[in-house]
């Protein structure tokens, strides 16, 4: 466990108090843990990069995909 002394804005303090109350947490440290976990899920682990999605959609549009019934038949 890491100890840290931090300075936050009044707004951030209010947000942490709301998170603390909403989840019935003991202190703001637990609220920060919840906020960090949510941030990780939504921001740090996004879906595919937009460039990759565009590349796949372009390939799909031009018929560069083929259907296979099994992995063994994939390389035939």
PDB file of N, CA and C in Angstrom:
ATOM      1  N   UNK A   1       0.848  -1.169   0.000  1.00  0.00           N
ATOM      2  CA  UNK A   1       0.000   0.000   0.000  1.00  0.00           C
ATOM      3  C   UNK A   1       0.893   1.231   0.000  1.00  0.00           C
ATOM      4  N   UNK A   2       0.534   2.219  -0.815  1.00  0.00           N
ATOM      5  CA  UNK A   2       1.291   3.454  -0.929  1.00  0.00           C
ATOM      6  C   UNK A   2       0.538   4.555  -0.202  1.00  0.00           C
ATOM      7  N   UNK A   3       1.248   5.332   0.583  1.00  0.00           N
ATOM      8  CA  UNK A   3       0.653   6.496   1.232  1.00  0.00           C
ATOM      9  C   UNK A   3       1.003   7.721   0.419  1.00  0.00           C
ATOM     10  N   UNK A   4       0.032   8.616   0.245  1.00  0.00           N
ATOM     11  CA  UNK A   4       0.281   9.828  -0.524  1.00  0.00           C
ATOM     12  C   UNK A   4      -0.487  10.990   0.088  1.00  0.00           C
ATOM     13  N   UNK A   5       0.183  12.106   0.188  1.00  0.00           N
ATOM     14  CA  UNK A   5      -0.487  13.328   0.630  1.00  0.00           C
ATOM     15  C   UNK A   5      -0.800  14.107  -0.643  1.00  0.00           C
ATOM     16  N   UNK A   6      -2.085  14.400  -0.883  1.00  0.00           N
ATOM     17  CA  UNK A   6      -2.471  15.038  -2.133  1.00  0.00           C
ATOM     18  C   UNK A   6      -3.230  16.332  -1.865  1.00  0.00           C
ATOM     19  N   UNK A   7      -3.215  17.205  -2.841  1.00  0.00           N
ATOM     20  CA  UNK A   7      -3.998  18.430  -2.805  1.00  0.00           C
ATOM     21  C   UNK A   7      -5.010  18.336  -3.935  1.00  0.00           C
ATOM     22  N   UNK A   8      -6.295  18.468  -3.609  1.00  0.00           N
ATOM     23  CA  UNK A   8      -7.348  18.391  -4.617  1.00  0.00           C
ATOM     24  C   UNK A   8      -8.249  19.621  -4.513  1.00  0.00           C
ATOM     25  N   UNK A   9      -8.958  19.879  -5.573  1.00  0.00           N
ATOM     26  CA  UNK A   9      -9.879  21.022  -5.596  1.00  0.00           C
ATOM     27  C   UNK A   9     -11.110  20.725  -4.740  1.00  0.00           C
ATOM     28  N   UNK A  10     -11.853  21.767  -4.439  1.00  0.00           N
ATOM     29  CA  UNK A  10     -13.108  21.597  -3.689  1.00  0.00           C
ATOM     30  C   UNK A  10     -14.077  20.704  -4.462  1.00  0.00           C
ATOM     31  N   UNK A  11     -14.109  20.886  -5.779  1.00  0.00           N
ATOM     32  CA  UNK A  11     -15.004  20.077  -6.616  1.00  0.00           C
ATOM     33  C   UNK A  11     -14.630  18.595  -6.530  1.00  0.00           C
ATOM     34  N   UNK A  12     -13.347  18.288  -6.668  1.00  0.00           N
ATOM     35  CA  UNK A  12     -12.893  16.898  -6.571  1.00  0.00           C
ATOM     36  C   UNK A  12     -13.200  16.332  -5.191  1.00  0.00           C
ATOM     37  N   UNK A  13     -13.068  17.145  -4.161  1.00  0.00           N
ATOM     38  CA  UNK A  13     -13.384  16.721  -2.802  1.00  0.00           C
ATOM     39  C   UNK A  13     -14.862  16.366  -2.677  1.00  0.00           C
ATOM     40  N   UNK A  14     -15.740  17.183  -3.268  1.00  0.00           N
ATOM     41  CA  UNK A  14     -17.176  16.904  -3.239  1.00  0.00           C
ATOM     42  C   UNK A  14     -17.491  15.619  -3.993  1.00  0.00           C
ATOM     43  N   UNK A  15     -16.850  15.430  -5.135  1.00  0.00           N
ATOM     44  CA  UNK A  15     -17.071  14.208  -5.915  1.00  0.00           C
ATOM     45  C   UNK A  15     -16.658  12.986  -5.101  1.00  0.00           C
ATOM     46  N   UNK A  16     -15.508  13.045  -4.457  1.00  0.00           N
ATOM     47  CA  UNK A  16     -15.065  11.915  -3.634  1.00  0.00           C
ATOM     48  C   UNK A  16     -16.020  11.658  -2.475  1.00  0.00           C
ATOM     49  N   UNK A  17     -16.556  12.722  -1.884  1.00  0.00           N
ATOM     50  CA  UNK A  17     -17.536  12.551  -0.809  1.00  0.00           C
ATOM     51  C   UNK A  17     -18.802  11.868  -1.322  1.00  0.00           C
ATOM     52  N   UNK A  18     -19.230  12.210  -2.529  1.00  0.00           N
ATOM     53  CA  UNK A  18     -20.415  11.583  -3.124  1.00  0.00           C
ATOM     54  C   UNK A  18     -20.151  10.106  -3.386  1.00  0.00           C
ATOM     55  N   UNK A  19     -18.987   9.786  -3.957  1.00  0.00           N
ATOM     56  CA  UNK A  19     -18.618   8.387  -4.223  1.00  0.00           C
ATOM     57  C   UNK A  19     -18.553   7.617  -2.908  1.00  0.00           C
ATOM     58  N   UNK A  20     -17.957   8.237  -1.906  1.00  0.00           N
ATOM     59  CA  UNK A  20     -17.847   7.608  -0.585  1.00  0.00           C
ATOM     60  C   UNK A  20     -19.224   7.289  -0.020  1.00  0.00           C
ATOM     61  N   UNK A  21     -20.150   8.233  -0.111  1.00  0.00           N
ATOM     62  CA  UNK A  21     -21.503   8.024   0.413  1.00  0.00           C
ATOM     63  C   UNK A  21     -22.276   6.998  -0.418  1.00  0.00           C
ATOM     64  N   UNK A  22     -22.161   7.103  -1.738  1.00  0.00           N
ATOM     65  CA  UNK A  22     -22.907   6.215  -2.631  1.00  0.00           C
ATOM     66  C   UNK A  22     -22.553   4.747  -2.393  1.00  0.00           C
ATOM     67  N   UNK A  23     -21.276   4.449  -2.197  1.00  0.00           N
ATOM     68  CA  UNK A  23     -20.823   3.079  -2.045  1.00  0.00           C
ATOM     69  C   UNK A  23     -20.642   2.661  -0.580  1.00  0.00           C
ATOM     70  N   UNK A  24     -20.960   3.569   0.350  1.00  0.00           N
ATOM     71  CA  UNK A  24     -20.839   3.248   1.773  1.00  0.00           C
ATOM     72  C   UNK A  24     -19.411   2.957   2.199  1.00  0.00           C
ATOM     73  N   UNK A  25     -18.475   3.740   1.696  1.00  0.00           N
ATOM     74  CA  UNK A  25     -17.063   3.513   1.976  1.00  0.00           C
ATOM     75  C   UNK A  25     -16.649   4.175   3.285  1.00  0.00           C
ATOM     76  N   UNK A  26     -15.540   3.682   3.876  1.00  0.00           N
ATOM     77  CA  UNK A  26     -15.077   4.209   5.159  1.00  0.00           C
ATOM     78  C   UNK A  26     -14.379   5.552   5.028  1.00  0.00           C
ATOM     79  N   UNK A  27     -13.592   5.707   3.960  1.00  0.00           N
ATOM     80  CA  UNK A  27     -12.832   6.950   3.827  1.00  0.00           C
ATOM     81  C   UNK A  27     -12.609   7.313   2.362  1.00  0.00           C
ATOM     82  N   UNK A  28     -11.981   8.465   2.162  1.00  0.00           N
ATOM     83  CA  UNK A  28     -11.756   8.947   0.790  1.00  0.00           C
ATOM     84  C   UNK A  28     -10.725   8.098   0.051  1.00  0.00           C
ATOM     85  N   UNK A  29      -9.876   7.412   0.771  1.00  0.00           N
ATOM     86  CA  UNK A  29      -8.918   6.517   0.111  1.00  0.00           C
ATOM     87  C   UNK A  29      -9.654   5.424  -0.652  1.00  0.00           C
ATOM     88  N   UNK A  30     -10.690   4.876  -0.032  1.00  0.00           N
ATOM     89  CA  UNK A  30     -11.488   3.863  -0.718  1.00  0.00           C
ATOM     90  C   UNK A  30     -12.239   4.472  -1.893  1.00  0.00           C
ATOM     91  N   UNK A  31     -12.688   5.715  -1.747  1.00  0.00           N
ATOM     92  CA  UNK A  31     -13.379   6.400  -2.848  1.00  0.00           C
ATOM     93  C   UNK A  31     -12.428   6.599  -4.026  1.00  0.00           C
ATOM     94  N   UNK A  32     -11.193   6.941  -3.737  1.00  0.00           N
ATOM     95  CA  UNK A  32     -10.197   7.109  -4.806  1.00  0.00           C
ATOM     96  C   UNK A  32      -9.957   5.777  -5.501  1.00  0.00           C
ATOM     97  N   UNK A  33      -9.926   4.679  -4.755  1.00  0.00           N
ATOM     98  CA  UNK A  33      -9.766   3.352  -5.343  1.00  0.00           C
ATOM     99  C   UNK A  33     -10.906   3.041  -6.309  1.00  0.00           C
ATOM    100  N   UNK A  34     -12.147   3.367  -5.911  1.00  0.00           N
ATOM    101  CA  UNK A  34     -13.310   3.115  -6.774  1.00  0.00           C
ATOM    102  C   UNK A  34     -13.219   3.954  -8.040  1.00  0.00           C
ATOM    103  N   UNK A  35     -12.884   5.235  -7.887  1.00  0.00           N
ATOM    104  CA  UNK A  35     -12.769   6.127  -9.050  1.00  0.00           C
ATOM    105  C   UNK A  35     -11.666   5.640  -9.984  1.00  0.00           C
ATOM    106  N   UNK A  36     -10.537   5.225  -9.434  1.00  0.00           N
ATOM    107  CA  UNK A  36      -9.422   4.738 -10.257  1.00  0.00           C
ATOM    108  C   UNK A  36      -9.809   3.461 -10.998  1.00  0.00           C
ATOM    109  N   UNK A  37     -10.538   2.571 -10.334  1.00  0.00           N
ATOM    110  CA  UNK A  37     -10.960   1.323 -10.987  1.00  0.00           C
ATOM    111  C   UNK A  37     -11.921   1.613 -12.135  1.00  0.00           C
ATOM    112  N   UNK A  38     -12.856   2.532 -11.934  1.00  0.00           N
ATOM    113  CA  UNK A  38     -13.789   2.898 -13.003  1.00  0.00           C
ATOM    114  C   UNK A  38     -13.060   3.558 -14.167  1.00  0.00           C
ATOM    115  N   UNK A  39     -12.104   4.421 -13.865  1.00  0.00           N
ATOM    116  CA  UNK A  39     -11.310   5.080 -14.902  1.00  0.00           C
ATOM    117  C   UNK A  39     -10.561   4.032 -15.715  1.00  0.00           C
ATOM    118  N   UNK A  40      -9.971   3.068 -15.031  1.00  0.00           N
ATOM    119  CA  UNK A  40      -9.228   2.011 -15.725  1.00  0.00           C
ATOM    120  C   UNK A  40     -10.132   1.243 -16.680  1.00  0.00           C
ATOM    121  N   UNK A  41     -11.337   0.897 -16.215  1.00  0.00           N
ATOM    122  CA  UNK A  41     -12.265   0.126 -17.054  1.00  0.00           C
ATOM    123  C   UNK A  41     -12.708   0.909 -18.281  1.00  0.00           C
ATOM    124  N   UNK A  42     -13.036   2.166 -18.080  1.00  0.00           N
ATOM    125  CA  UNK A  42     -13.638   2.940 -19.167  1.00  0.00           C
ATOM    126  C   UNK A  42     -12.637   3.650 -20.059  1.00  0.00           C
ATOM    127  N   UNK A  43     -11.502   4.034 -19.533  1.00  0.00           N
ATOM    128  CA  UNK A  43     -10.552   4.831 -20.309  1.00  0.00           C
ATOM    129  C   UNK A  43      -9.310   4.033 -20.699  1.00  0.00           C
ATOM    130  N   UNK A  44      -8.722   3.325 -19.775  1.00  0.00           N
ATOM    131  CA  UNK A  44      -7.462   2.632 -20.052  1.00  0.00           C
ATOM    132  C   UNK A  44      -7.636   1.323 -20.789  1.00  0.00           C
ATOM    133  N   UNK A  45      -8.846   0.745 -20.747  1.00  0.00           N
ATOM    134  CA  UNK A  45      -9.098  -0.498 -21.464  1.00  0.00           C
ATOM    135  C   UNK A  45     -10.193  -0.287 -22.503  1.00  0.00           C
ATOM    136  N   UNK A  46      -9.965   0.661 -23.410  1.00  0.00           N
ATOM    137  CA  UNK A  46     -11.010   0.896 -24.410  1.00  0.00           C
ATOM    138  C   UNK A  46     -11.060  -0.243 -25.415  1.00  0.00           C
ATOM    139  N   UNK A  47     -12.052  -0.201 -26.284  1.00  0.00           N
ATOM    140  CA  UNK A  47     -12.149  -1.189 -27.344  1.00  0.00           C
ATOM    141  C   UNK A  47     -10.990  -1.010 -28.307  1.00  0.00           C
ATOM    142  N   UNK A  48     -11.223  -1.288 -29.522  1.00  0.00           N
ATOM    143  CA  UNK A  48     -10.176  -1.164 -30.529  1.00  0.00           C
ATOM    144  C   UNK A  48      -9.930   0.296 -30.877  1.00  0.00           C
ATOM    145  N   UNK A  49      -8.720   0.590 -31.337  1.00  0.00           N
ATOM    146  CA  UNK A  49      -8.396   1.939 -31.772  1.00  0.00           C
ATOM    147  C   UNK A  49      -9.228   2.264 -33.008  1.00  0.00           C
ATOM    148  N   UNK A  50      -9.638   3.517 -33.152  1.00  0.00           N
ATOM    149  CA  UNK A  50     -10.460   3.902 -34.306  1.00  0.00           C
ATOM    150  C   UNK A  50      -9.822   3.557 -35.650  1.00  0.00           C
ATOM    151  N   UNK A  51      -8.498   3.654 -35.732  1.00  0.00           N
ATOM    152  CA  UNK A  51      -7.813   3.341 -36.987  1.00  0.00           C
ATOM    153  C   UNK A  51      -7.992   1.866 -37.346  1.00  0.00           C
ATOM    154  N   UNK A  52      -7.926   1.005 -36.345  1.00  0.00           N
ATOM    155  CA  UNK A  52      -8.096  -0.422 -36.583  1.00  0.00           C
ATOM    156  C   UNK A  52      -9.521  -0.726 -37.026  1.00  0.00           C
ATOM    157  N   UNK A  53     -10.490  -0.101 -36.363  1.00  0.00           N
ATOM    158  CA  UNK A  53     -11.896  -0.310 -36.726  1.00  0.00           C
ATOM    159  C   UNK A  53     -12.133   0.113 -38.171  1.00  0.00           C
ATOM    160  N   UNK A  54     -11.592   1.258 -38.570  1.00  0.00           N
ATOM    161  CA  UNK A  54     -11.748   1.729 -39.947  1.00  0.00           C
ATOM    162  C   UNK A  54     -11.112   0.758 -40.940  1.00  0.00           C
ATOM    163  N   UNK A  55      -9.955   0.222 -40.587  1.00  0.00           N
ATOM    164  CA  UNK A  55      -9.268  -0.729 -41.462  1.00  0.00           C
ATOM    165  C   UNK A  55     -10.102  -2.001 -41.646  1.00  0.00           C
ATOM    166  N   UNK A  56     -10.677  -2.502 -40.557  1.00  0.00           N
ATOM    167  CA  UNK A  56     -11.503  -3.711 -40.637  1.00  0.00           C
ATOM    168  C   UNK A  56     -12.765  -3.443 -41.453  1.00  0.00           C
ATOM    169  N   UNK A  57     -13.406  -2.306 -41.211  1.00  0.00           N
ATOM    170  CA  UNK A  57     -14.617  -1.971 -41.973  1.00  0.00           C
ATOM    171  C   UNK A  57     -14.317  -1.814 -43.460  1.00  0.00           C
ATOM    172  N   UNK A  58     -13.178  -1.237 -43.769  1.00  0.00           N
ATOM    173  CA  UNK A  58     -12.770  -1.088 -45.172  1.00  0.00           C
ATOM    174  C   UNK A  58     -12.540  -2.461 -45.807  1.00  0.00           C
ATOM    175  N   UNK A  59     -11.869  -3.349 -45.085  1.00  0.00           N
ATOM    176  CA  UNK A  59     -11.616  -4.698 -45.598  1.00  0.00           C
ATOM    177  C   UNK A  59     -12.931  -5.450 -45.787  1.00  0.00           C
ATOM    178  N   UNK A  60     -13.838  -5.294 -44.842  1.00  0.00           N
ATOM    179  CA  UNK A  60     -15.145  -5.961 -44.945  1.00  0.00           C
ATOM    180  C   UNK A  60     -15.915  -5.454 -46.160  1.00  0.00           C
ATOM    181  N   UNK A  61     -15.853  -4.164 -46.389  1.00  0.00           N
ATOM    182  CA  UNK A  61     -16.565  -3.556 -47.521  1.00  0.00           C
ATOM    183  C   UNK A  61     -16.034  -4.070 -48.858  1.00  0.00           C
ATOM    184  N   UNK A  62     -14.728  -4.320 -48.926  1.00  0.00           N
ATOM    185  CA  UNK A  62     -14.115  -4.755 -50.186  1.00  0.00           C
ATOM    186  C   UNK A  62     -14.037  -6.271 -50.305  1.00  0.00           C
ATOM    187  N   UNK A  63     -14.714  -6.991 -49.413  1.00  0.00           N
ATOM    188  CA  UNK A  63     -14.801  -8.445 -49.540  1.00  0.00           C
ATOM    189  C   UNK A  63     -13.520  -9.204 -49.258  1.00  0.00           C
ATOM    190  N   UNK A  64     -12.684  -8.719 -48.357  1.00  0.00           N
ATOM    191  CA  UNK A  64     -11.435  -9.406 -48.059  1.00  0.00           C
ATOM    192  C   UNK A  64     -11.579 -10.419 -46.925  1.00  0.00           C
ATOM    193  N   UNK A  65     -12.803 -10.748 -46.573  1.00  0.00           N
ATOM    194  CA  UNK A  65     -13.049 -11.744 -45.534  1.00  0.00           C
ATOM    195  C   UNK A  65     -13.612 -12.995 -46.179  1.00  0.00           C
ATOM    196  N   UNK A  66     -13.363 -14.138 -45.540  1.00  0.00           N
ATOM    197  CA  UNK A  66     -13.982 -15.373 -46.002  1.00  0.00           C
ATOM    198  C   UNK A  66     -14.463 -16.143 -44.782  1.00  0.00           C
ATOM    199  N   UNK A  67     -15.564 -16.844 -44.935  1.00  0.00           N
ATOM    200  CA  UNK A  67     -16.128 -17.613 -43.840  1.00  0.00           C
ATOM    201  C   UNK A  67     -15.494 -18.989 -43.822  1.00  0.00           C
ATOM    202  N   UNK A  68     -15.178 -19.456 -42.620  1.00  0.00           N
ATOM    203  CA  UNK A  68     -14.653 -20.804 -42.439  1.00  0.00           C
ATOM    204  C   UNK A  68     -15.437 -21.479 -41.322  1.00  0.00           C
ATOM    205  N   UNK A  69     -15.522 -22.793 -41.398  1.00  0.00           N
ATOM    206  CA  UNK A  69     -16.297 -23.536 -40.408  1.00  0.00           C
ATOM    207  C   UNK A  69     -15.451 -24.012 -39.233  1.00  0.00           C
ATOM    208  N   UNK A  70     -14.129 -24.022 -39.397  1.00  0.00           N
ATOM    209  CA  UNK A  70     -13.278 -24.453 -38.303  1.00  0.00           C
ATOM    210  C   UNK A  70     -11.893 -23.808 -38.455  1.00  0.00           C
ATOM    211  N   UNK A  71     -11.154 -23.820 -37.379  1.00  0.00           N
ATOM    212  CA  UNK A  71      -9.818 -23.243 -37.409  1.00  0.00           C
ATOM    213  C   UNK A  71      -8.907 -24.046 -38.342  1.00  0.00           C
ATOM    214  N   UNK A  72      -9.115 -25.356 -38.377  1.00  0.00           N
ATOM    215  CA  UNK A  72      -8.283 -26.194 -39.254  1.00  0.00           C
ATOM    216  C   UNK A  72      -8.455 -25.799 -40.721  1.00  0.00           C
ATOM    217  N   UNK A  73      -9.664 -25.417 -41.094  1.00  0.00           N
ATOM    218  CA  UNK A  73      -9.936 -25.069 -42.497  1.00  0.00           C
ATOM    219  C   UNK A  73      -9.510 -23.628 -42.811  1.00  0.00           C
ATOM    220  N   UNK A  74      -9.120 -22.892 -41.800  1.00  0.00           N
ATOM    221  CA  UNK A  74      -8.756 -21.504 -41.988  1.00  0.00           C
ATOM    222  C   UNK A  74      -7.578 -21.352 -42.941  1.00  0.00           C
ATOM    223  N   UNK A  75      -6.615 -22.248 -42.877  1.00  0.00           N
ATOM    224  CA  UNK A  75      -5.401 -22.129 -43.674  1.00  0.00           C
ATOM    225  C   UNK A  75      -5.411 -22.968 -44.949  1.00  0.00           C
ATOM    226  N   UNK A  76      -6.552 -23.416 -45.349  1.00  0.00           N
ATOM    227  CA  UNK A  76      -6.648 -24.200 -46.597  1.00  0.00           C
ATOM    228  C   UNK A  76      -6.540 -23.303 -47.794  1.00  0.00           C
TER     229      UNK A  76
END
